[in-house]
Protein backbone atom coordinates (compact mmCIF):
# COMPACT_ATOMS: atom_id res chain seq x y z
CA MET A 1 200.02 129.78 101.87
CA THR A 2 196.98 131.90 103.29
CA LEU A 3 195.69 131.99 106.76
CA THR A 4 193.28 129.13 105.85
CA GLU A 5 195.56 126.92 104.30
CA LYS A 6 198.25 127.18 107.04
CA LEU A 7 195.53 126.30 109.79
CA LEU A 8 194.34 123.02 108.23
CA ALA A 9 197.94 121.46 107.14
CA ARG A 10 198.79 122.18 110.89
CA ALA A 11 195.88 120.41 112.17
CA ALA A 12 196.72 117.52 108.89
CA GLY A 13 200.11 117.29 109.80
CA LYS A 14 201.36 118.36 106.50
CA ALA A 15 204.04 120.54 105.70
CA GLN A 16 202.35 122.27 102.64
CA VAL A 17 198.49 122.34 101.15
CA GLN A 18 196.65 123.91 98.76
CA ALA A 19 193.12 124.59 97.53
CA GLY A 20 191.31 121.50 96.72
CA ASP A 21 192.87 119.15 98.70
CA ASN A 22 190.91 116.83 100.73
CA LEU A 23 192.29 116.14 104.25
CA TRP A 24 191.60 114.81 107.50
CA VAL A 25 191.99 117.27 109.98
CA SER A 26 192.43 117.23 114.11
CA ALA A 27 189.50 118.89 115.51
CA ASP A 28 190.54 121.17 118.72
CA VAL A 29 186.68 122.06 120.12
CA LEU A 30 183.47 120.63 118.90
CA MET A 31 180.23 122.83 119.82
CA THR A 32 176.77 122.06 119.45
CA HIS A 33 173.42 123.24 120.72
CA ASP A 34 170.59 122.72 121.74
CA ILE A 35 168.69 122.83 117.99
CA CYS A 36 171.42 119.91 116.67
CA GLY A 37 173.06 118.44 119.89
CA PRO A 38 169.96 115.59 120.47
CA GLY A 39 170.24 114.84 116.83
CA THR A 40 174.26 114.59 117.08
CA ILE A 41 174.27 112.91 120.20
CA GLY A 42 171.84 110.11 118.25
CA VAL A 43 173.99 110.01 115.18
CA PHE A 44 176.87 109.42 118.06
CA ARG A 45 175.23 106.84 119.57
CA ARG A 46 174.00 104.83 116.28
CA GLU A 47 177.64 104.77 115.02
CA PHE A 48 180.06 104.34 117.90
CA GLY A 49 177.24 102.63 120.34
CA ALA A 50 175.17 103.53 123.33
CA THR A 51 177.48 103.27 125.84
CA ALA A 52 180.65 104.88 124.02
CA LYS A 53 182.45 108.08 125.40
CA VAL A 54 183.19 111.07 123.32
CA TRP A 55 186.89 111.53 122.19
CA ASP A 56 187.78 113.81 124.64
CA ARG A 57 185.65 115.23 127.04
CA ARG A 58 187.26 118.38 127.47
CA ARG A 59 187.19 119.48 124.01
CA VAL A 60 183.19 119.08 123.31
CA VAL A 61 181.33 121.75 124.48
CA ILE A 62 177.57 122.29 124.52
CA ILE A 63 175.67 125.42 124.54
CA PRO A 64 171.72 125.47 124.91
CA ASP A 65 170.57 128.72 123.83
CA HIS A 66 168.38 128.59 120.68
CA TYR A 67 164.73 127.19 121.82
CA ILE A 68 165.10 127.86 125.63
CA PHE A 69 163.24 130.55 127.12
CA THR A 70 159.36 129.20 125.70
CA ALA A 71 156.89 127.21 127.22
CA ASP A 72 157.43 124.56 124.19
CA SER A 73 157.72 121.50 125.88
CA LYS A 74 159.36 119.55 123.22
CA SER A 75 162.18 122.49 122.75
CA ASN A 76 162.66 122.23 126.91
CA ARG A 77 162.90 118.99 126.27
CA ASN A 78 166.21 119.55 123.97
CA VAL A 79 167.74 120.96 126.90
CA ASP A 80 167.13 117.64 128.99
CA LEU A 81 168.45 115.41 126.71
CA LEU A 82 171.70 117.54 126.48
CA ARG A 83 172.10 117.45 130.18
CA GLU A 84 171.12 113.92 130.44
CA PHE A 85 174.72 113.66 127.97
CA ALA A 86 176.62 115.99 129.97
CA ARG A 87 176.03 114.43 133.14
CA GLU A 88 176.90 110.52 131.52
CA GLN A 89 179.90 111.59 129.50
CA GLU A 90 181.31 114.00 132.72
CA LEU A 91 181.35 116.84 130.29
CA PRO A 92 182.68 120.15 132.34
CA TYR A 93 182.03 122.63 129.56
CA PHE A 94 178.06 121.88 129.47
CA TYR A 95 176.66 125.57 130.14
CA ASP A 96 172.92 124.74 131.40
CA VAL A 97 170.37 126.91 131.54
CA VAL A 98 169.44 125.44 135.08
CA ASP A 99 171.60 125.31 137.84
CA GLY A 100 172.17 121.28 139.30
CA ALA A 101 172.66 118.18 137.44
CA SER A 102 169.20 116.73 137.95
CA GLY A 103 166.90 119.88 137.31
CA ALA A 104 165.08 120.98 134.61
CA TRP A 105 163.51 124.23 133.06
CA LYS A 106 160.02 125.48 133.23
CA PHE A 107 158.72 128.83 131.89
CA ASP A 108 157.76 130.70 135.13
CA PRO A 109 154.96 133.17 134.13
CA SER A 110 155.12 135.14 137.23
CA LYS A 111 158.54 136.41 135.79
CA GLY A 112 156.98 137.15 132.19
CA LEU A 113 159.63 137.24 129.42
CA LEU A 114 161.94 140.31 130.77
CA ALA A 115 162.97 138.93 133.78
CA ARG A 116 165.64 136.52 134.35
CA GLN A 117 165.10 133.03 133.90
CA HIS A 118 168.23 131.11 133.90
CA GLY A 119 171.12 129.30 136.06
CA SER A 120 174.59 130.87 137.14
CA ARG A 121 176.04 128.55 134.75
CA TYR A 122 174.04 129.64 131.51
CA ALA A 123 176.29 131.09 129.20
CA GLY A 124 173.89 132.67 126.11
CA VAL A 125 174.35 133.04 122.53
CA CYS A 126 177.05 130.02 121.30
CA HIS A 127 178.70 132.22 119.04
CA ALA A 128 179.34 134.84 121.83
CA ALA A 129 179.92 132.21 124.67
CA LEU A 130 182.33 130.43 123.28
CA PRO A 131 185.35 133.23 123.15
CA ALA A 132 183.53 134.70 126.86
CA LYS A 133 184.23 131.70 127.98
CA GLY A 134 188.06 131.00 126.37
CA HIS A 135 186.90 128.08 123.85
CA THR A 136 188.73 130.10 121.17
CA ARG A 137 192.01 130.31 120.32
CA PRO A 138 194.41 130.82 118.03
CA GLY A 139 195.94 128.33 115.46
CA GLU A 140 193.07 125.90 116.04
CA VAL A 141 190.38 123.88 114.64
CA LEU A 142 186.90 124.68 115.98
CA PHE A 143 183.86 122.95 114.69
CA GLY A 144 179.69 123.59 115.38
CA THR A 145 176.55 122.31 114.34
CA ASP A 146 175.88 125.97 113.68
CA SER A 147 176.44 127.77 110.36
CA HIS A 148 177.40 131.01 111.98
CA THR A 149 180.37 129.10 114.22
CA CYS A 150 182.73 131.09 111.37
CA MET A 151 182.44 133.95 113.92
CA ALA A 152 185.57 132.63 116.00
CA GLY A 153 188.03 133.14 112.85
CA ALA A 154 187.85 136.48 114.12
CA PHE A 155 190.38 135.16 116.22
CA ASN A 156 192.92 133.53 114.23
CA GLU A 157 191.36 130.21 113.79
CA PHE A 158 189.52 127.75 111.75
CA ALA A 159 185.87 127.59 112.17
CA THR A 160 183.09 126.27 110.39
CA GLY A 161 179.63 125.08 110.52
CA ILE A 162 178.90 121.18 110.00
CA GLY A 163 175.81 119.16 110.32
CA ASN A 164 174.82 116.48 112.88
CA THR A 165 176.24 113.55 110.96
CA ASP A 166 180.22 115.50 110.73
CA ALA A 167 179.73 116.58 114.23
CA GLY A 168 178.66 112.95 115.43
CA PHE A 169 181.79 111.34 113.69
CA VAL A 170 184.03 113.96 115.53
CA MET A 171 182.48 113.62 118.60
CA GLY A 172 183.88 110.29 118.45
CA THR A 173 187.28 110.35 116.42
CA GLY A 174 188.25 113.97 116.99
CA LYS A 175 188.45 114.19 113.13
CA LEU A 176 186.94 115.63 110.14
CA LEU A 177 187.46 114.81 106.35
CA ILE A 178 187.87 118.82 104.93
CA LYS A 179 188.73 120.28 101.26
CA VAL A 180 190.57 122.82 101.50
CA PRO A 181 188.66 126.03 100.28
CA GLU A 182 189.96 128.57 97.81
CA THR A 183 190.68 131.93 99.37
CA MET A 184 189.32 135.61 98.57
CA LEU A 185 191.27 138.59 100.49
CA PHE A 186 189.31 141.17 101.60
CA ARG A 187 192.05 144.24 102.54
CA LEU A 188 190.43 147.18 104.66
CA GLU A 189 192.23 150.31 104.69
CA GLY A 190 191.14 153.42 106.41
CA ARG A 191 188.97 153.93 109.62
CA LEU A 192 185.20 153.90 110.18
CA GLN A 193 183.58 157.33 110.30
CA PRO A 194 181.30 157.90 113.25
CA GLY A 195 177.65 155.81 112.88
CA VAL A 196 179.29 153.50 110.57
CA MET A 197 180.07 150.17 112.23
CA ALA A 198 181.34 146.97 111.45
CA LYS A 199 178.12 145.32 110.24
CA ASP A 200 178.46 148.44 107.73
CA ILE A 201 181.40 146.67 106.55
CA ILE A 202 180.14 143.09 106.18
CA LEU A 203 176.97 144.01 104.54
CA HIS A 204 178.58 146.17 101.95
CA LEU A 205 181.01 143.24 101.23
CA ILE A 206 178.26 140.66 100.55
CA GLY A 207 176.29 143.26 98.58
CA GLU A 208 179.68 142.92 96.49
CA ILE A 209 179.88 139.67 95.90
CA GLY A 210 176.52 138.35 96.66
CA PHE A 211 174.79 136.07 98.97
CA ASP A 212 176.58 133.09 97.01
CA GLY A 213 179.75 134.92 96.40
CA ALA A 214 182.00 133.03 98.48
CA THR A 215 180.28 129.43 98.24
CA TYR A 216 183.02 127.34 99.74
CA ARG A 217 185.45 129.62 100.16
CA ALA A 218 187.41 131.21 102.99
CA LEU A 219 187.38 135.25 103.50
CA GLN A 220 190.71 136.35 104.86
CA PHE A 221 189.95 140.20 106.15
CA ASP A 222 193.15 141.83 106.26
CA GLY A 223 195.21 145.46 105.68
CA PRO A 224 195.98 148.00 107.36
CA GLY A 225 192.08 148.91 108.61
CA VAL A 226 192.01 145.63 110.69
CA ALA A 227 194.14 147.68 113.21
CA TRP A 228 191.00 149.69 113.95
CA LEU A 229 188.37 147.20 114.55
CA SER A 230 188.11 146.16 118.01
CA MET A 231 187.31 141.98 118.79
CA ASP A 232 183.84 142.92 118.60
CA ASP A 233 184.06 144.22 115.50
CA ARG A 234 186.26 141.27 114.10
CA MET A 235 183.72 138.82 115.51
CA THR A 236 180.00 140.72 113.37
CA ILE A 237 182.26 140.53 110.43
CA ALA A 238 183.34 136.92 110.41
CA ASN A 239 179.85 135.64 111.53
CA MET A 240 178.49 136.90 108.71
CA ALA A 241 180.84 135.50 106.31
CA ILE A 242 178.22 132.18 105.92
CA GLU A 243 176.11 134.75 104.53
CA ALA A 244 177.71 135.18 101.42
CA GLY A 245 178.06 131.36 101.15
CA GLY A 246 181.77 131.08 103.04
CA LYS A 247 183.41 128.07 104.04
CA ASN A 248 185.23 130.42 106.96
CA GLY A 249 186.12 133.82 107.84
CA ILE A 250 189.47 134.51 109.20
CA PHE A 251 191.44 137.40 110.76
CA PRO A 252 195.39 137.59 111.49
CA PHE A 253 196.59 137.05 114.95
CA ASP A 254 197.30 140.75 116.58
CA GLY A 255 197.97 142.24 120.34
CA ARG A 256 194.30 142.57 120.47
CA THR A 257 193.80 139.23 119.92
CA ALA A 258 196.14 137.87 122.38
CA GLU A 259 194.94 140.46 124.88
CA TYR A 260 191.36 138.93 124.58
CA ILE A 261 192.16 135.21 124.61
CA GLU A 262 194.86 135.32 127.58
CA ALA A 263 192.08 137.87 129.80
CA ARG A 264 189.11 135.30 128.92
CA THR A 265 190.86 131.60 129.15
CA LYS A 266 192.59 132.85 132.49
CA LEU A 267 189.16 134.07 133.63
CA ASN A 268 187.65 131.00 133.00
CA GLY A 269 190.44 128.22 133.35
CA THR A 270 190.44 127.22 130.00
CA LYS A 271 193.65 126.08 127.77
CA GLN A 272 195.94 129.11 127.64
CA THR A 273 198.73 127.91 125.60
CA TYR A 274 197.62 128.68 121.63
CA GLU A 275 200.13 128.88 118.73
CA PRO A 276 198.60 131.68 116.13
CA VAL A 277 199.35 131.55 112.23
CA GLU A 278 200.82 133.83 110.13
CA ALA A 279 199.98 133.73 105.88
CA ASP A 280 202.85 133.30 103.67
CA ARG A 281 203.97 136.14 101.76
CA ASP A 282 203.29 134.64 98.38
CA GLN A 283 200.07 133.46 99.41
CA LYS A 284 197.87 133.38 96.72
CA PHE A 285 194.03 133.94 96.35
CA VAL A 286 191.47 133.75 93.70
CA GLN A 287 190.09 136.92 94.18
CA GLU A 288 191.08 139.93 96.18
CA ILE A 289 188.76 142.80 97.39
CA THR A 290 190.16 146.36 98.85
CA VAL A 291 187.44 148.63 101.03
CA ASP A 292 188.41 151.92 102.25
CA LEU A 293 186.41 152.05 105.57
CA SER A 294 186.34 155.71 105.96
CA ASN A 295 184.42 156.09 102.96
CA LEU A 296 181.38 153.36 103.69
CA GLU A 297 177.99 154.98 104.78
CA PRO A 298 175.36 153.04 107.16
CA THR A 299 173.99 150.10 104.74
CA VAL A 300 170.87 147.60 104.74
CA ALA A 301 170.29 144.48 103.68
CA CYS A 302 167.40 143.95 102.56
CA HIS A 303 164.35 141.43 101.87
CA PRO A 304 165.10 138.54 100.91
CA ASP A 305 168.76 138.06 101.23
CA PRO A 306 171.65 139.18 102.94
CA GLY A 307 172.75 140.27 99.34
CA GLN A 308 170.48 143.27 98.69
CA ARG A 309 172.32 146.22 99.68
CA LYS A 310 171.30 149.41 100.16
CA THR A 311 172.87 152.44 101.47
CA VAL A 312 170.20 154.22 104.22
CA LYS A 313 169.68 157.18 101.54
CA GLU A 314 168.89 154.85 98.83
CA MET A 315 165.92 153.18 100.86
CA GLY A 316 163.86 156.30 101.10
CA GLY A 317 163.01 156.56 104.41
CA LEU A 318 161.20 152.92 103.95
CA LYS A 319 158.30 152.26 106.62
CA LEU A 320 158.96 149.98 109.25
CA ASP A 321 156.81 148.03 111.98
CA ARG A 322 159.27 146.79 114.14
CA ALA A 323 162.82 146.73 115.51
CA TYR A 324 165.54 143.99 116.84
CA LEU A 325 168.54 144.68 118.83
CA GLY A 326 170.28 141.81 119.34
CA SER A 327 171.93 138.29 118.07
CA CYS A 328 175.71 137.29 118.18
CA THR A 329 176.30 139.48 115.38
CA GLY A 330 174.01 142.40 117.08
CA GLY A 331 174.02 141.76 120.73
CA LYS A 332 177.37 142.08 122.08
CA THR A 333 178.04 144.69 124.77
CA SER A 334 179.55 147.35 122.17
CA ASP A 335 176.44 146.82 119.95
CA PHE A 336 174.09 147.92 122.54
CA VAL A 337 176.72 150.76 123.60
CA GLU A 338 176.36 152.24 119.84
CA ALA A 339 172.56 151.92 119.94
CA ALA A 340 172.29 153.66 123.21
CA ARG A 341 174.15 156.69 122.10
CA VAL A 342 171.66 156.93 119.12
CA LEU A 343 169.08 156.96 121.66
CA GLN A 344 170.03 158.82 124.66
CA GLY A 345 167.35 161.19 125.16
CA GLN A 346 165.09 159.99 122.39
CA ARG A 347 161.70 157.80 122.34
CA VAL A 348 161.60 155.09 120.23
CA THR A 349 158.16 155.02 118.19
CA ILE A 350 157.69 151.29 116.80
CA ASP A 351 157.90 148.41 118.74
CA THR A 352 161.66 147.66 119.73
CA PHE A 353 163.37 144.66 120.94
CA GLY A 354 166.65 144.32 122.89
CA VAL A 355 168.47 140.81 123.52
CA PRO A 356 171.70 140.65 124.74
CA ALA A 357 173.80 137.61 123.35
CA THR A 358 175.04 136.47 127.12
CA PRO A 359 174.26 137.18 130.60
CA ASP A 360 177.47 138.99 131.40
CA ILE A 361 176.31 141.84 128.55
CA VAL A 362 173.20 142.09 130.69
CA HIS A 363 175.34 142.38 133.63
CA GLU A 364 177.89 145.05 131.83
CA LEU A 365 174.77 147.33 130.53
CA GLN A 366 173.20 147.33 133.95
CA THR A 367 176.29 148.21 135.68
CA THR A 368 177.96 150.42 133.35
CA ARG A 369 177.07 154.22 134.02
CA TRP A 370 176.57 157.02 131.77
CA GLY A 371 176.52 160.28 134.36
CA GLU A 372 173.16 159.42 136.55
CA GLU A 373 171.99 156.26 134.16
CA THR A 374 172.97 152.70 133.32
CA ILE A 375 173.11 151.91 129.66
CA TRP A 376 170.72 149.67 130.32
CA GLU A 377 168.36 152.66 131.60
CA VAL A 378 168.83 154.71 128.84
CA LEU A 379 168.15 151.63 126.31
CA VAL A 380 164.99 151.41 128.98
CA ALA A 381 163.84 154.88 128.93
CA ALA A 382 164.16 155.34 125.31
CA GLY A 383 161.06 152.55 125.14
CA VAL A 384 163.35 149.21 124.24
CA ARG A 385 161.82 146.14 125.72
CA MET A 386 165.09 144.92 127.25
CA THR A 387 165.24 140.98 128.24
CA GLU A 388 167.72 139.53 131.02
CA ASN A 389 167.37 135.95 129.39
CA ALA A 390 170.04 136.37 127.01
CA GLY A 391 169.93 134.17 123.81
CA CYS A 392 169.05 133.74 120.08
CA ALA A 393 165.30 134.88 120.73
CA ALA A 394 163.75 135.72 117.54
CA CYS A 395 166.57 135.65 115.66
CA LEU A 396 166.04 132.36 114.39
CA GLY A 397 161.80 132.17 114.72
CA GLY A 398 161.25 129.75 117.18
CA PRO A 399 157.97 128.55 118.73
CA VAL A 400 155.21 131.67 118.78
CA ASP A 401 155.89 132.86 122.60
CA THR A 402 159.61 133.36 121.86
CA PHE A 403 160.32 137.02 123.01
CA GLY A 404 160.36 139.31 119.59
CA ARG A 405 159.13 136.63 117.20
CA ILE A 406 157.51 138.12 114.72
CA ASN A 407 154.28 136.36 114.59
CA GLN A 408 151.96 138.62 112.23
CA PRO A 409 152.06 138.24 108.09
CA GLY A 410 153.64 141.43 106.30
CA LEU A 411 155.20 142.93 109.23
CA LYS A 412 158.47 145.02 108.32
CA CYS A 413 161.32 144.56 111.13
CA ILE A 414 164.83 146.35 110.76
CA SER A 415 167.26 144.21 112.91
CA ALA A 416 170.62 144.00 114.05
CA THR A 417 170.69 139.86 113.58
CA ASN A 418 172.48 138.06 110.67
CA ARG A 419 170.09 136.66 108.29
CA ASN A 420 167.08 137.74 106.46
CA PHE A 421 165.79 134.65 104.36
CA PRO A 422 162.03 134.48 104.21
CA GLY A 423 160.39 133.34 107.68
CA ARG A 424 163.75 133.51 109.15
CA MET A 425 162.81 136.09 112.36
CA GLY A 426 158.72 134.37 112.41
CA ASP A 427 156.04 134.75 109.64
CA LYS A 428 157.07 133.82 106.25
CA GLU A 429 155.14 136.97 104.79
CA SER A 430 157.35 139.41 107.12
CA ARG A 431 160.10 141.25 105.68
CA VAL A 432 163.59 141.68 107.66
CA TYR A 433 165.83 144.63 106.79
CA LEU A 434 169.30 143.69 108.19
CA ALA A 435 171.26 146.67 109.88
CA SER A 436 173.74 147.86 112.11
CA PRO A 437 172.86 148.13 116.11
CA ALA A 438 173.02 152.31 115.37
CA THR A 439 171.11 152.19 112.33
CA VAL A 440 168.43 149.87 114.24
CA ALA A 441 168.36 151.98 116.92
CA ALA A 442 167.93 155.74 114.47
CA SER A 443 165.18 153.72 112.28
CA ALA A 444 163.33 152.67 115.54
CA ILE A 445 162.97 156.62 116.76
CA ALA A 446 162.26 157.63 113.06
CA GLY A 447 159.27 154.63 112.54
CA GLN A 448 161.18 154.40 109.00
CA VAL A 449 165.01 153.35 107.62
CA ALA A 450 167.17 156.28 109.21
CA ASP A 451 170.56 157.76 109.52
CA PRO A 452 171.99 157.10 112.56
CA ARG A 453 174.20 160.25 112.03
CA GLU A 454 171.05 162.27 112.18
CA TYR A 455 170.93 161.52 115.84
CA LEU A 456 174.53 161.69 117.07
CA PRO A 457 175.61 164.19 119.06
CA ASN A 458 178.31 166.27 117.93
């Protein structure tokens, strides 16, 4: 069996499964957020009763992160509904944007969009917060009401996005009916060259198979090249499995995985035991693709979908209006570090926004020093508008006052985010080009799509 098949077999109490089987699987964690949480709660109450209790309060994780730092009253009300539910259900893992169980968040104009406007428990983007807070463990099953839940597959678990109805059912029963997906193998060999990042790997692969090339399939990443990838790298790759239509993405378990999980679960007091899965030698794949990482170049996914791959060289210096660093895919500490390598001593020539994925990342960027400057100071000195309000921000568009949102038709934005369908980051006439943080940084300097290797120090 493949990694995904072994995980689902275990969760279903089966010795053997194969692609196409329909299984009732037990969930280890259910995650929801401010976009889908109110709807999920509504389904749960409708089907199980107004006074029903969730199946296991320690397995439900609620993370507001999408439409929060906005004056939009309906968006703010969504978080209020989550707060009321978490209090009623006595949920220990509700990462509220304010301190205190009875508070409410309001936009403070005096602080503006850059200064911190959240409490101490706030965790940031759900997909980055889940592993950071110790809720992703090898060998487990994670369901989340967000398509990019598959990011947690970096940790050798089955993680996939589900809708509100399914989530309401899981909330009440802890189980869900799943069809076992076929598995595609992506064998990674070699090592990335300087200036080339994990984002370039996944953009290259999606370009190979198309944005629907893995529809309802598991994407298994394996091979000697995996050993060179950090956990941040693996999260970036697994996150975008959905951009090829995948059901989930998954990596093998190794020492890097163990080191990360054991540190995070211990730090946050979450469950520390886990049992990873290893694939069988005779595992069968529906398709196999081998990639030599050393041959990859900086890559861009062009408007209007993630499958429109071109190398930076092929872009011919396309003129840009805006650059954006952030999201679960491109807002991790390592992402900003690579952007800072390019930006150090330089100055952006187009509007450039920086949104860290979590408050911990904000802290790391503001305290990690390169000589006399912190990484945060390097970015700000280069002209990047950095906000301390970690979150999804403009990745999903949001209300018109969302930080970094594209509100003008026709703007061309190069972004380290994960999706670029029309209207994704705001105005439906805008054009979004997906790239690595390094490529975004280089392009922000040049004002056109540019190769980060031209700006890296020797």
